[in-house]
Amino acid sequence: MPQQKTRQLLVDEARQLFAKYGFENTTMNDIAEASGKGRRTLYTYFKSKEEVYSAVINGELMRISTTFLMVARKQLPPLEKLVELIFAHLSLMKEVVIRNGNLRAEFFRNIWQVASIRKKYDKKEHDIFAKTLDEGRQAGIFDVDDLMLYTDIIQACAKGLEIPYIYGRLGIGMNIEATRPIVTKILKRALGMCEPPIR
C-alpha cells in the first residue's frame, strides 16, 4: 500500500509539472524534486520520463472511464442514454485536456502514443455503447442489424468530434447544449427510429 501511494504521488506531481511546463520542459530531476522522494525512488518506479508520461495518461483515462461508467449506469431510455454517453465522452475528454494545461499539445502531438494507451479504455467504452444499442434493439426501438458495426461507427463519430468540441468549433456560436437535439435527431435517423407524424 505505501508503494502504491508513493507511485501515485510521483504520477500526480509529474502530471502537474507536465501540465505547467509541458513534457519536453520537464525532467526526471524536476519530478523527483517536486515529489520530495529523490531520483533513486523515482527510478525505482519508472525507467524513463516516457514511462511516467504513459502513467499520467493512463491515470487520466482511468478517470474518464470511471465517470463514463457512472453515466452508463443511469436508468435512462436507450436513445437518451446514448446521447448522454456521447456528450459525456466529449465533456470528459475536454476536461482532461483543459485540466492538463501545456500537456494538451502533447495529447494531440503524440496521438499514436495516447492512442496505444487508450485502447483498453476504448474497448470498455465500446462495450458500453454496444450494450446500450442492444438494449434499444431488444426493446424494438432501434433498427440495428449489425450491432458491432453500428457501435464502431458511433464510437468513431464521438472520437472524431473530440478536437472540434475541445476547441469550441462544434456549432460555432451555439451553446453546446443546443447541439443535443441535433445529435438526437441524427441518431434517431441512423438507428431507424421514425418520427411520429405531425397532425
N, C-alpha and C. Protein backbone atom coordinates (compact mmCIF):
# COMPACT_ATOMS: atom_id res chain seq x y z
N MET A 1 0.82 -1.21 0.00
CA MET A 1 0.00 0.00 0.00
C MET A 1 0.86 1.28 0.00
N PRO A 2 1.90 1.35 0.86
CA PRO A 2 2.77 2.54 0.81
C PRO A 2 3.43 2.70 -0.56
N GLN A 3 3.79 1.58 -1.21
CA GLN A 3 4.40 1.64 -2.53
C GLN A 3 3.44 2.24 -3.54
N GLN A 4 2.17 1.83 -3.45
CA GLN A 4 1.15 2.36 -4.37
C GLN A 4 0.97 3.86 -4.15
N LYS A 5 1.00 4.28 -2.89
CA LYS A 5 0.86 5.71 -2.56
C LYS A 5 2.04 6.50 -3.12
N THR A 6 3.22 5.97 -2.97
CA THR A 6 4.43 6.64 -3.49
C THR A 6 4.35 6.77 -5.00
N ARG A 7 3.97 5.69 -5.66
CA ARG A 7 3.86 5.72 -7.13
C ARG A 7 2.84 6.76 -7.57
N GLN A 8 1.69 6.79 -6.86
CA GLN A 8 0.64 7.75 -7.22
C GLN A 8 1.10 9.18 -6.99
N LEU A 9 1.85 9.40 -5.92
CA LEU A 9 2.40 10.73 -5.64
C LEU A 9 3.31 11.18 -6.79
N LEU A 10 4.16 10.28 -7.25
CA LEU A 10 5.07 10.59 -8.36
C LEU A 10 4.29 10.93 -9.63
N VAL A 11 3.25 10.16 -9.91
CA VAL A 11 2.42 10.40 -11.10
C VAL A 11 1.70 11.74 -10.98
N ASP A 12 1.14 12.02 -9.80
CA ASP A 12 0.41 13.29 -9.58
C ASP A 12 1.33 14.49 -9.75
N GLU A 13 2.53 14.40 -9.18
CA GLU A 13 3.49 15.51 -9.30
C GLU A 13 3.93 15.68 -10.75
N ALA A 14 4.16 14.57 -11.43
CA ALA A 14 4.56 14.63 -12.84
C ALA A 14 3.46 15.26 -13.68
N ARG A 15 2.22 14.86 -13.43
CA ARG A 15 1.09 15.42 -14.21
C ARG A 15 1.05 16.94 -14.06
N GLN A 16 1.22 17.42 -12.82
CA GLN A 16 1.18 18.87 -12.59
C GLN A 16 2.35 19.57 -13.29
N LEU A 17 3.52 18.96 -13.26
CA LEU A 17 4.67 19.56 -13.94
C LEU A 17 4.49 19.55 -15.46
N PHE A 18 4.02 18.42 -16.00
CA PHE A 18 3.76 18.34 -17.44
C PHE A 18 2.71 19.37 -17.85
N ALA A 19 1.67 19.52 -17.00
CA ALA A 19 0.60 20.48 -17.30
C ALA A 19 1.12 21.92 -17.30
N LYS A 20 2.04 22.20 -16.39
CA LYS A 20 2.56 23.56 -16.26
C LYS A 20 3.65 23.88 -17.28
N TYR A 21 4.58 22.95 -17.48
CA TYR A 21 5.76 23.23 -18.32
C TYR A 21 5.80 22.45 -19.63
N GLY A 22 4.93 21.46 -19.77
CA GLY A 22 4.96 20.61 -20.96
C GLY A 22 5.90 19.44 -20.76
N PHE A 23 5.74 18.42 -21.58
CA PHE A 23 6.54 17.20 -21.48
C PHE A 23 8.02 17.48 -21.73
N GLU A 24 8.31 18.22 -22.80
CA GLU A 24 9.71 18.48 -23.19
C GLU A 24 10.48 19.24 -22.13
N ASN A 25 9.81 20.17 -21.44
CA ASN A 25 10.49 21.04 -20.49
C ASN A 25 10.48 20.52 -19.05
N THR A 26 10.05 19.28 -18.87
CA THR A 26 10.05 18.67 -17.54
C THR A 26 11.08 17.54 -17.55
N THR A 27 11.90 17.51 -16.53
CA THR A 27 12.93 16.47 -16.44
C THR A 27 12.58 15.49 -15.32
N MET A 28 13.27 14.37 -15.31
CA MET A 28 13.10 13.40 -14.22
C MET A 28 13.55 14.04 -12.90
N ASN A 29 14.58 14.89 -12.95
CA ASN A 29 15.01 15.61 -11.74
C ASN A 29 13.91 16.47 -11.19
N ASP A 30 13.19 17.18 -12.10
CA ASP A 30 12.09 18.04 -11.67
C ASP A 30 11.03 17.22 -10.93
N ILE A 31 10.71 16.05 -11.51
CA ILE A 31 9.68 15.20 -10.90
C ILE A 31 10.13 14.69 -9.53
N ALA A 32 11.38 14.25 -9.46
CA ALA A 32 11.93 13.76 -8.19
C ALA A 32 11.92 14.86 -7.13
N GLU A 33 12.34 16.06 -7.53
CA GLU A 33 12.39 17.19 -6.60
C GLU A 33 10.99 17.59 -6.13
N ALA A 34 10.06 17.69 -7.07
CA ALA A 34 8.68 18.11 -6.73
C ALA A 34 8.01 17.11 -5.80
N SER A 35 8.32 15.84 -5.97
CA SER A 35 7.70 14.80 -5.13
C SER A 35 8.35 14.68 -3.76
N GLY A 36 9.56 15.23 -3.65
CA GLY A 36 10.29 15.13 -2.39
C GLY A 36 10.80 13.72 -2.12
N LYS A 37 10.86 12.89 -3.17
CA LYS A 37 11.24 11.49 -3.00
C LYS A 37 12.65 11.17 -3.50
N GLY A 38 13.20 12.03 -4.33
CA GLY A 38 14.56 11.79 -4.83
C GLY A 38 14.58 10.92 -6.08
N ARG A 39 15.71 11.04 -6.82
CA ARG A 39 15.86 10.35 -8.11
C ARG A 39 15.85 8.82 -7.96
N ARG A 40 16.48 8.33 -6.92
CA ARG A 40 16.56 6.87 -6.74
C ARG A 40 15.15 6.27 -6.61
N THR A 41 14.31 6.91 -5.83
CA THR A 41 12.93 6.43 -5.66
C THR A 41 12.17 6.51 -6.97
N LEU A 42 12.32 7.63 -7.67
CA LEU A 42 11.63 7.80 -8.95
C LEU A 42 12.02 6.70 -9.93
N TYR A 43 13.32 6.41 -10.02
CA TYR A 43 13.79 5.39 -10.96
C TYR A 43 13.45 3.96 -10.50
N THR A 44 13.08 3.81 -9.24
CA THR A 44 12.59 2.51 -8.76
C THR A 44 11.25 2.19 -9.41
N TYR A 45 10.45 3.23 -9.63
CA TYR A 45 9.10 3.05 -10.18
C TYR A 45 9.03 3.23 -11.70
N PHE A 46 9.88 4.11 -12.23
CA PHE A 46 9.81 4.43 -13.66
C PHE A 46 11.22 4.47 -14.27
N LYS A 47 11.37 3.83 -15.42
CA LYS A 47 12.68 3.77 -16.08
C LYS A 47 13.00 5.05 -16.85
N SER A 48 11.92 5.78 -17.28
CA SER A 48 12.13 6.96 -18.13
C SER A 48 10.99 7.95 -17.96
N LYS A 49 11.22 9.12 -18.50
CA LYS A 49 10.17 10.16 -18.48
C LYS A 49 8.98 9.71 -19.32
N GLU A 50 9.24 8.99 -20.41
CA GLU A 50 8.16 8.48 -21.27
C GLU A 50 7.26 7.52 -20.50
N GLU A 51 7.88 6.74 -19.62
CA GLU A 51 7.10 5.80 -18.81
C GLU A 51 6.22 6.56 -17.81
N VAL A 52 6.76 7.64 -17.26
CA VAL A 52 5.97 8.47 -16.33
C VAL A 52 4.81 9.10 -17.10
N TYR A 53 5.11 9.60 -18.30
CA TYR A 53 4.09 10.23 -19.14
C TYR A 53 2.96 9.24 -19.45
N SER A 54 3.32 7.99 -19.77
CA SER A 54 2.32 6.95 -20.02
C SER A 54 1.45 6.72 -18.79
N ALA A 55 2.08 6.72 -17.62
CA ALA A 55 1.33 6.53 -16.37
C ALA A 55 0.37 7.70 -16.13
N VAL A 56 0.80 8.92 -16.48
CA VAL A 56 -0.07 10.09 -16.33
C VAL A 56 -1.29 9.96 -17.24
N ILE A 57 -1.06 9.62 -18.51
CA ILE A 57 -2.17 9.46 -19.46
C ILE A 57 -3.10 8.34 -19.01
N ASN A 58 -2.50 7.24 -18.56
CA ASN A 58 -3.28 6.11 -18.05
C ASN A 58 -4.20 6.54 -16.91
N GLY A 59 -3.66 7.33 -15.99
CA GLY A 59 -4.44 7.83 -14.86
C GLY A 59 -5.60 8.71 -15.31
N GLU A 60 -5.32 9.58 -16.29
CA GLU A 60 -6.35 10.47 -16.80
C GLU A 60 -7.45 9.67 -17.51
N LEU A 61 -7.04 8.66 -18.28
CA LEU A 61 -8.02 7.83 -18.98
C LEU A 61 -8.84 6.98 -18.01
N MET A 62 -8.23 6.59 -16.89
CA MET A 62 -8.97 5.84 -15.88
C MET A 62 -10.05 6.72 -15.25
N ARG A 63 -9.73 7.99 -15.03
CA ARG A 63 -10.73 8.93 -14.51
C ARG A 63 -11.90 9.03 -15.47
N ILE A 64 -11.60 9.15 -16.77
CA ILE A 64 -12.64 9.23 -17.79
C ILE A 64 -13.49 7.97 -17.77
N SER A 65 -12.84 6.82 -17.74
CA SER A 65 -13.53 5.54 -17.78
C SER A 65 -14.47 5.37 -16.60
N THR A 66 -14.02 5.74 -15.42
CA THR A 66 -14.84 5.62 -14.20
C THR A 66 -16.08 6.48 -14.30
N THR A 67 -15.92 7.73 -14.74
CA THR A 67 -17.06 8.64 -14.87
C THR A 67 -18.01 8.16 -15.96
N PHE A 68 -17.45 7.69 -17.08
CA PHE A 68 -18.26 7.19 -18.19
C PHE A 68 -19.12 6.01 -17.74
N LEU A 69 -18.55 5.15 -16.90
CA LEU A 69 -19.27 4.00 -16.37
C LEU A 69 -20.43 4.45 -15.48
N MET A 70 -20.23 5.52 -14.72
CA MET A 70 -21.31 6.06 -13.88
C MET A 70 -22.47 6.54 -14.75
N VAL A 71 -22.17 7.18 -15.88
CA VAL A 71 -23.21 7.63 -16.81
C VAL A 71 -23.94 6.42 -17.37
N ALA A 72 -23.19 5.37 -17.72
CA ALA A 72 -23.78 4.16 -18.30
C ALA A 72 -24.75 3.48 -17.35
N ARG A 73 -24.53 3.66 -16.05
CA ARG A 73 -25.40 3.01 -15.05
C ARG A 73 -26.71 3.76 -14.81
N LYS A 74 -26.84 4.95 -15.37
CA LYS A 74 -28.08 5.71 -15.19
C LYS A 74 -29.24 4.96 -15.84
N GLN A 75 -30.38 5.01 -15.17
CA GLN A 75 -31.58 4.37 -15.70
C GLN A 75 -32.27 5.34 -16.66
N LEU A 76 -31.94 5.23 -17.94
CA LEU A 76 -32.50 6.12 -18.96
C LEU A 76 -32.98 5.27 -20.13
N PRO A 77 -33.94 5.79 -20.93
CA PRO A 77 -34.31 5.10 -22.17
C PRO A 77 -33.07 5.03 -23.07
N PRO A 78 -32.97 3.97 -23.91
CA PRO A 78 -31.75 3.75 -24.71
C PRO A 78 -31.29 4.95 -25.54
N LEU A 79 -32.19 5.65 -26.22
CA LEU A 79 -31.76 6.79 -27.04
C LEU A 79 -31.19 7.90 -26.17
N GLU A 80 -31.89 8.19 -25.09
CA GLU A 80 -31.44 9.25 -24.17
C GLU A 80 -30.08 8.89 -23.57
N LYS A 81 -29.91 7.61 -23.22
CA LYS A 81 -28.63 7.16 -22.65
C LYS A 81 -27.51 7.29 -23.68
N LEU A 82 -27.80 6.93 -24.92
CA LEU A 82 -26.80 7.01 -25.99
C LEU A 82 -26.33 8.45 -26.18
N VAL A 83 -27.27 9.38 -26.21
CA VAL A 83 -26.93 10.81 -26.35
C VAL A 83 -26.10 11.25 -25.14
N GLU A 84 -26.54 10.83 -23.96
CA GLU A 84 -25.83 11.18 -22.72
C GLU A 84 -24.40 10.64 -22.75
N LEU A 85 -24.22 9.42 -23.23
CA LEU A 85 -22.89 8.82 -23.31
C LEU A 85 -21.98 9.58 -24.28
N ILE A 86 -22.53 9.97 -25.42
CA ILE A 86 -21.73 10.72 -26.41
C ILE A 86 -21.27 12.05 -25.82
N PHE A 87 -22.18 12.77 -25.17
CA PHE A 87 -21.81 14.06 -24.58
C PHE A 87 -20.89 13.89 -23.37
N ALA A 88 -21.06 12.79 -22.62
CA ALA A 88 -20.15 12.51 -21.51
C ALA A 88 -18.74 12.27 -22.06
N HIS A 89 -18.65 11.49 -23.12
CA HIS A 89 -17.36 11.21 -23.77
C HIS A 89 -16.67 12.53 -24.15
N LEU A 90 -17.40 13.41 -24.82
CA LEU A 90 -16.82 14.67 -25.28
C LEU A 90 -16.43 15.58 -24.11
N SER A 91 -17.32 15.69 -23.14
CA SER A 91 -17.05 16.56 -21.99
C SER A 91 -15.87 16.08 -21.17
N LEU A 92 -15.79 14.76 -21.00
CA LEU A 92 -14.68 14.20 -20.21
C LEU A 92 -13.34 14.39 -20.91
N MET A 93 -13.31 14.20 -22.23
CA MET A 93 -12.07 14.43 -22.97
C MET A 93 -11.65 15.90 -22.87
N LYS A 94 -12.63 16.79 -22.99
CA LYS A 94 -12.33 18.22 -22.90
C LYS A 94 -11.79 18.57 -21.51
N GLU A 95 -12.42 18.00 -20.49
CA GLU A 95 -11.99 18.26 -19.11
C GLU A 95 -10.54 17.82 -18.89
N VAL A 96 -10.19 16.64 -19.41
CA VAL A 96 -8.82 16.13 -19.26
C VAL A 96 -7.82 17.04 -19.96
N VAL A 97 -8.15 17.47 -21.16
CA VAL A 97 -7.23 18.31 -21.93
C VAL A 97 -7.06 19.67 -21.25
N ILE A 98 -8.16 20.27 -20.79
CA ILE A 98 -8.08 21.57 -20.12
C ILE A 98 -7.34 21.44 -18.79
N ARG A 99 -7.63 20.39 -18.04
CA ARG A 99 -7.01 20.16 -16.73
C ARG A 99 -5.50 20.03 -16.85
N ASN A 100 -5.03 19.63 -18.01
CA ASN A 100 -3.61 19.36 -18.16
C ASN A 100 -2.84 20.45 -18.88
N GLY A 101 -3.39 21.63 -18.97
CA GLY A 101 -2.67 22.80 -19.44
C GLY A 101 -1.76 22.56 -20.62
N ASN A 102 -0.45 22.77 -20.43
CA ASN A 102 0.53 22.61 -21.50
C ASN A 102 0.60 21.18 -22.05
N LEU A 103 0.09 20.25 -21.30
CA LEU A 103 0.13 18.86 -21.76
C LEU A 103 -0.85 18.64 -22.91
N ARG A 104 -1.83 19.55 -23.06
CA ARG A 104 -2.84 19.35 -24.11
C ARG A 104 -2.22 19.22 -25.50
N ALA A 105 -1.16 20.00 -25.77
CA ALA A 105 -0.49 19.90 -27.08
C ALA A 105 0.11 18.51 -27.26
N GLU A 106 0.64 17.95 -26.17
CA GLU A 106 1.23 16.61 -26.23
C GLU A 106 0.17 15.56 -26.57
N PHE A 107 -1.06 15.77 -26.04
CA PHE A 107 -2.13 14.81 -26.29
C PHE A 107 -2.35 14.67 -27.79
N PHE A 108 -2.24 15.77 -28.52
CA PHE A 108 -2.51 15.73 -29.95
C PHE A 108 -1.24 15.51 -30.77
N ARG A 109 -0.08 15.97 -30.27
CA ARG A 109 1.17 15.75 -31.00
C ARG A 109 1.57 14.28 -30.91
N ASN A 110 1.38 13.68 -29.74
CA ASN A 110 1.75 12.28 -29.54
C ASN A 110 0.52 11.39 -29.63
N ILE A 111 -0.30 11.64 -30.64
CA ILE A 111 -1.60 10.96 -30.75
C ILE A 111 -1.45 9.44 -30.80
N TRP A 112 -0.36 8.93 -31.41
CA TRP A 112 -0.20 7.47 -31.51
C TRP A 112 0.12 6.87 -30.15
N GLN A 113 0.94 7.58 -29.36
CA GLN A 113 1.24 7.07 -28.02
C GLN A 113 -0.02 7.08 -27.17
N VAL A 114 -0.76 8.17 -27.24
CA VAL A 114 -2.01 8.28 -26.48
C VAL A 114 -2.98 7.19 -26.96
N ALA A 115 -3.06 7.00 -28.28
CA ALA A 115 -3.98 6.01 -28.84
C ALA A 115 -3.64 4.60 -28.38
N SER A 116 -2.36 4.28 -28.27
CA SER A 116 -1.99 2.93 -27.83
C SER A 116 -2.38 2.70 -26.37
N ILE A 117 -2.26 3.73 -25.55
CA ILE A 117 -2.65 3.62 -24.14
C ILE A 117 -4.18 3.59 -24.04
N ARG A 118 -4.85 4.30 -24.95
CA ARG A 118 -6.30 4.43 -24.94
C ARG A 118 -7.03 3.14 -25.29
N LYS A 119 -6.34 2.20 -25.92
CA LYS A 119 -7.00 1.00 -26.46
C LYS A 119 -7.90 0.30 -25.46
N LYS A 120 -7.38 0.02 -24.25
CA LYS A 120 -8.19 -0.74 -23.29
C LYS A 120 -9.38 0.07 -22.80
N TYR A 121 -9.22 1.40 -22.70
CA TYR A 121 -10.33 2.24 -22.27
C TYR A 121 -11.36 2.37 -23.39
N ASP A 122 -10.88 2.44 -24.62
CA ASP A 122 -11.78 2.46 -25.78
C ASP A 122 -12.61 1.18 -25.84
N LYS A 123 -11.99 0.06 -25.48
CA LYS A 123 -12.71 -1.22 -25.50
C LYS A 123 -13.86 -1.19 -24.49
N LYS A 124 -13.60 -0.68 -23.29
CA LYS A 124 -14.65 -0.58 -22.26
C LYS A 124 -15.78 0.31 -22.76
N GLU A 125 -15.41 1.45 -23.35
CA GLU A 125 -16.41 2.39 -23.87
C GLU A 125 -17.21 1.72 -25.00
N HIS A 126 -16.52 1.00 -25.87
CA HIS A 126 -17.16 0.29 -26.98
C HIS A 126 -18.22 -0.69 -26.43
N ASP A 127 -17.85 -1.42 -25.39
CA ASP A 127 -18.78 -2.38 -24.77
C ASP A 127 -20.03 -1.68 -24.23
N ILE A 128 -19.84 -0.50 -23.65
CA ILE A 128 -20.97 0.25 -23.09
C ILE A 128 -21.88 0.75 -24.21
N PHE A 129 -21.29 1.29 -25.28
CA PHE A 129 -22.10 1.72 -26.43
C PHE A 129 -22.88 0.52 -27.00
N ALA A 130 -22.20 -0.62 -27.15
CA ALA A 130 -22.84 -1.81 -27.71
C ALA A 130 -24.00 -2.28 -26.83
N LYS A 131 -23.79 -2.27 -25.52
CA LYS A 131 -24.84 -2.69 -24.57
C LYS A 131 -26.06 -1.79 -24.69
N THR A 132 -25.82 -0.49 -24.79
CA THR A 132 -26.92 0.48 -24.90
C THR A 132 -27.68 0.28 -26.21
N LEU A 133 -26.93 0.10 -27.31
CA LEU A 133 -27.57 -0.16 -28.60
C LEU A 133 -28.38 -1.45 -28.57
N ASP A 134 -27.83 -2.47 -27.91
CA ASP A 134 -28.52 -3.76 -27.83
C ASP A 134 -29.80 -3.65 -27.00
N GLU A 135 -29.75 -2.86 -25.93
CA GLU A 135 -30.96 -2.63 -25.12
C GLU A 135 -32.07 -2.04 -25.99
N GLY A 136 -31.69 -1.05 -26.82
CA GLY A 136 -32.66 -0.43 -27.72
C GLY A 136 -33.16 -1.40 -28.78
N ARG A 137 -32.26 -2.25 -29.27
CA ARG A 137 -32.63 -3.24 -30.28
C ARG A 137 -33.59 -4.28 -29.68
N GLN A 138 -33.25 -4.77 -28.48
CA GLN A 138 -34.10 -5.78 -27.81
C GLN A 138 -35.49 -5.23 -27.49
N ALA A 139 -35.55 -3.92 -27.20
CA ALA A 139 -36.84 -3.28 -26.89
C ALA A 139 -37.62 -2.93 -28.16
N GLY A 140 -37.02 -3.19 -29.33
CA GLY A 140 -37.69 -2.88 -30.59
C GLY A 140 -37.69 -1.40 -30.93
N ILE A 141 -36.80 -0.63 -30.28
CA ILE A 141 -36.73 0.81 -30.51
C ILE A 141 -35.76 1.12 -31.65
N PHE A 142 -34.61 0.41 -31.66
CA PHE A 142 -33.58 0.65 -32.68
C PHE A 142 -33.63 -0.45 -33.75
N ASP A 143 -33.49 -0.04 -35.00
CA ASP A 143 -33.39 -0.99 -36.11
C ASP A 143 -31.91 -1.16 -36.42
N VAL A 144 -31.27 -2.04 -35.65
CA VAL A 144 -29.82 -2.26 -35.75
C VAL A 144 -29.59 -3.70 -36.17
N ASP A 145 -29.14 -3.90 -37.40
CA ASP A 145 -28.94 -5.27 -37.89
C ASP A 145 -27.52 -5.78 -37.65
N ASP A 146 -26.55 -4.89 -37.50
CA ASP A 146 -25.17 -5.29 -37.24
C ASP A 146 -24.65 -4.48 -36.05
N LEU A 147 -24.84 -5.06 -34.86
CA LEU A 147 -24.55 -4.35 -33.61
C LEU A 147 -23.12 -3.81 -33.54
N MET A 148 -22.14 -4.63 -33.91
CA MET A 148 -20.74 -4.21 -33.79
C MET A 148 -20.41 -3.08 -34.77
N LEU A 149 -20.94 -3.17 -35.98
CA LEU A 149 -20.68 -2.12 -36.96
C LEU A 149 -21.29 -0.78 -36.51
N TYR A 150 -22.52 -0.81 -36.03
CA TYR A 150 -23.16 0.40 -35.52
C TYR A 150 -22.37 0.97 -34.35
N THR A 151 -21.92 0.08 -33.47
CA THR A 151 -21.14 0.52 -32.31
C THR A 151 -19.84 1.17 -32.76
N ASP A 152 -19.14 0.53 -33.70
CA ASP A 152 -17.88 1.09 -34.22
C ASP A 152 -18.10 2.49 -34.79
N ILE A 153 -19.17 2.65 -35.57
CA ILE A 153 -19.44 3.94 -36.22
C ILE A 153 -19.76 5.01 -35.19
N ILE A 154 -20.59 4.69 -34.20
CA ILE A 154 -20.95 5.68 -33.18
C ILE A 154 -19.72 6.09 -32.37
N GLN A 155 -18.89 5.12 -31.99
CA GLN A 155 -17.69 5.45 -31.22
C GLN A 155 -16.72 6.27 -32.06
N ALA A 156 -16.56 5.89 -33.33
CA ALA A 156 -15.65 6.64 -34.22
C ALA A 156 -16.15 8.07 -34.40
N CYS A 157 -17.46 8.26 -34.52
CA CYS A 157 -18.01 9.62 -34.65
C CYS A 157 -17.75 10.44 -33.39
N ALA A 158 -17.95 9.82 -32.21
CA ALA A 158 -17.69 10.53 -30.95
C ALA A 158 -16.22 10.94 -30.86
N LYS A 159 -15.31 10.03 -31.24
CA LYS A 159 -13.87 10.34 -31.20
C LYS A 159 -13.52 11.43 -32.22
N GLY A 160 -14.17 11.38 -33.37
CA GLY A 160 -13.91 12.38 -34.41
C GLY A 160 -14.37 13.78 -34.01
N LEU A 161 -15.31 13.86 -33.09
CA LEU A 161 -15.81 15.17 -32.63
C LEU A 161 -14.98 15.75 -31.48
N GLU A 162 -14.05 14.97 -30.94
CA GLU A 162 -13.29 15.43 -29.77
C GLU A 162 -12.58 16.77 -30.00
N ILE A 163 -11.77 16.86 -31.04
CA ILE A 163 -10.97 18.08 -31.24
C ILE A 163 -11.86 19.28 -31.53
N PRO A 164 -12.87 19.18 -32.44
CA PRO A 164 -13.76 20.34 -32.63
C PRO A 164 -14.48 20.73 -31.34
N TYR A 165 -14.87 19.74 -30.54
CA TYR A 165 -15.57 20.02 -29.28
C TYR A 165 -14.64 20.71 -28.29
N ILE A 166 -13.43 20.19 -28.15
CA ILE A 166 -12.46 20.74 -27.20
C ILE A 166 -12.13 22.20 -27.54
N TYR A 167 -11.96 22.48 -28.84
CA TYR A 167 -11.57 23.83 -29.26
C TYR A 167 -12.76 24.73 -29.57
N GLY A 168 -13.97 24.29 -29.25
CA GLY A 168 -15.17 25.13 -29.42
C GLY A 168 -15.54 25.36 -30.86
N ARG A 169 -15.19 24.41 -31.74
CA ARG A 169 -15.52 24.57 -33.16
C ARG A 169 -16.76 23.77 -33.55
N LEU A 170 -17.40 23.16 -32.58
CA LEU A 170 -18.61 22.39 -32.84
C LEU A 170 -19.80 23.30 -32.60
N GLY A 171 -20.55 23.59 -33.67
CA GLY A 171 -21.67 24.52 -33.54
C GLY A 171 -21.19 25.89 -33.11
N ILE A 172 -20.26 26.47 -33.89
CA ILE A 172 -19.65 27.76 -33.54
C ILE A 172 -20.74 28.79 -33.27
N GLY A 173 -20.61 29.47 -32.14
CA GLY A 173 -21.57 30.49 -31.75
C GLY A 173 -22.78 29.92 -31.04
N MET A 174 -22.88 28.59 -30.99
CA MET A 174 -24.01 27.95 -30.31
C MET A 174 -23.59 27.52 -28.91
N ASN A 175 -24.54 27.54 -28.01
CA ASN A 175 -24.34 26.90 -26.73
C ASN A 175 -24.24 25.41 -27.04
N ILE A 176 -23.28 24.72 -26.46
CA ILE A 176 -23.05 23.31 -26.80
C ILE A 176 -24.29 22.47 -26.54
N GLU A 177 -25.08 22.86 -25.55
CA GLU A 177 -26.32 22.12 -25.25
C GLU A 177 -27.31 22.21 -26.41
N ALA A 178 -27.20 23.26 -27.21
CA ALA A 178 -28.10 23.42 -28.36
C ALA A 178 -27.83 22.37 -29.43
N THR A 179 -26.65 21.72 -29.36
CA THR A 179 -26.34 20.68 -30.35
C THR A 179 -26.97 19.33 -29.96
N ARG A 180 -27.44 19.20 -28.73
CA ARG A 180 -28.00 17.94 -28.24
C ARG A 180 -29.20 17.47 -29.08
N PRO A 181 -30.16 18.36 -29.38
CA PRO A 181 -31.29 17.91 -30.21
C PRO A 181 -30.86 17.47 -31.61
N ILE A 182 -29.79 18.09 -32.14
CA ILE A 182 -29.30 17.72 -33.47
C ILE A 182 -28.69 16.33 -33.42
N VAL A 183 -27.88 16.06 -32.39
CA VAL A 183 -27.28 14.74 -32.22
C VAL A 183 -28.39 13.69 -32.05
N THR A 184 -29.40 14.03 -31.27
CA THR A 184 -30.54 13.12 -31.06
C THR A 184 -31.24 12.81 -32.38
N LYS A 185 -31.46 13.84 -33.17
CA LYS A 185 -32.13 13.68 -34.47
C LYS A 185 -31.31 12.79 -35.41
N ILE A 186 -30.00 13.02 -35.46
CA ILE A 186 -29.12 12.22 -36.31
C ILE A 186 -29.16 10.75 -35.86
N LEU A 187 -29.08 10.52 -34.55
CA LEU A 187 -29.12 9.15 -34.03
C LEU A 187 -30.46 8.47 -34.34
N LYS A 188 -31.55 9.21 -34.19
CA LYS A 188 -32.88 8.64 -34.49
C LYS A 188 -32.93 8.13 -35.92
N ARG A 189 -32.44 8.95 -36.84
CA ARG A 189 -32.44 8.54 -38.26
C ARG A 189 -31.51 7.36 -38.48
N ALA A 190 -30.30 7.44 -37.92
CA ALA A 190 -29.32 6.37 -38.13
C ALA A 190 -29.78 5.04 -37.55
N LEU A 191 -30.54 5.11 -36.47
CA LEU A 191 -30.98 3.90 -35.79
C LEU A 191 -32.38 3.45 -36.23
N GLY A 192 -32.89 4.08 -37.29
CA GLY A 192 -34.16 3.65 -37.85
C GLY A 192 -35.38 3.99 -37.02
N MET A 193 -35.26 5.02 -36.19
CA MET A 193 -36.41 5.43 -35.38
C MET A 193 -37.22 6.45 -36.18
N CYS A 194 -38.49 6.22 -36.29
CA CYS A 194 -39.36 7.10 -37.07
C CYS A 194 -39.93 8.18 -36.17
N GLU A 195 -39.98 9.39 -36.71
CA GLU A 195 -40.65 10.49 -36.01
C GLU A 195 -42.15 10.25 -36.12
N PRO A 196 -42.93 10.50 -35.05
CA PRO A 196 -44.38 10.35 -35.17
C PRO A 196 -44.92 11.39 -36.15
N PRO A 197 -45.91 11.02 -36.95
CA PRO A 197 -46.45 12.00 -37.92
C PRO A 197 -47.07 13.19 -37.22
N ILE A 198 -46.89 14.38 -37.83
CA ILE A 198 -47.46 15.62 -37.25
C ILE A 198 -48.92 15.70 -37.68
N ARG A 199 -49.80 15.91 -36.74
CA ARG A 199 -51.25 16.00 -37.04
C ARG A 199 -51.70 17.44 -37.00
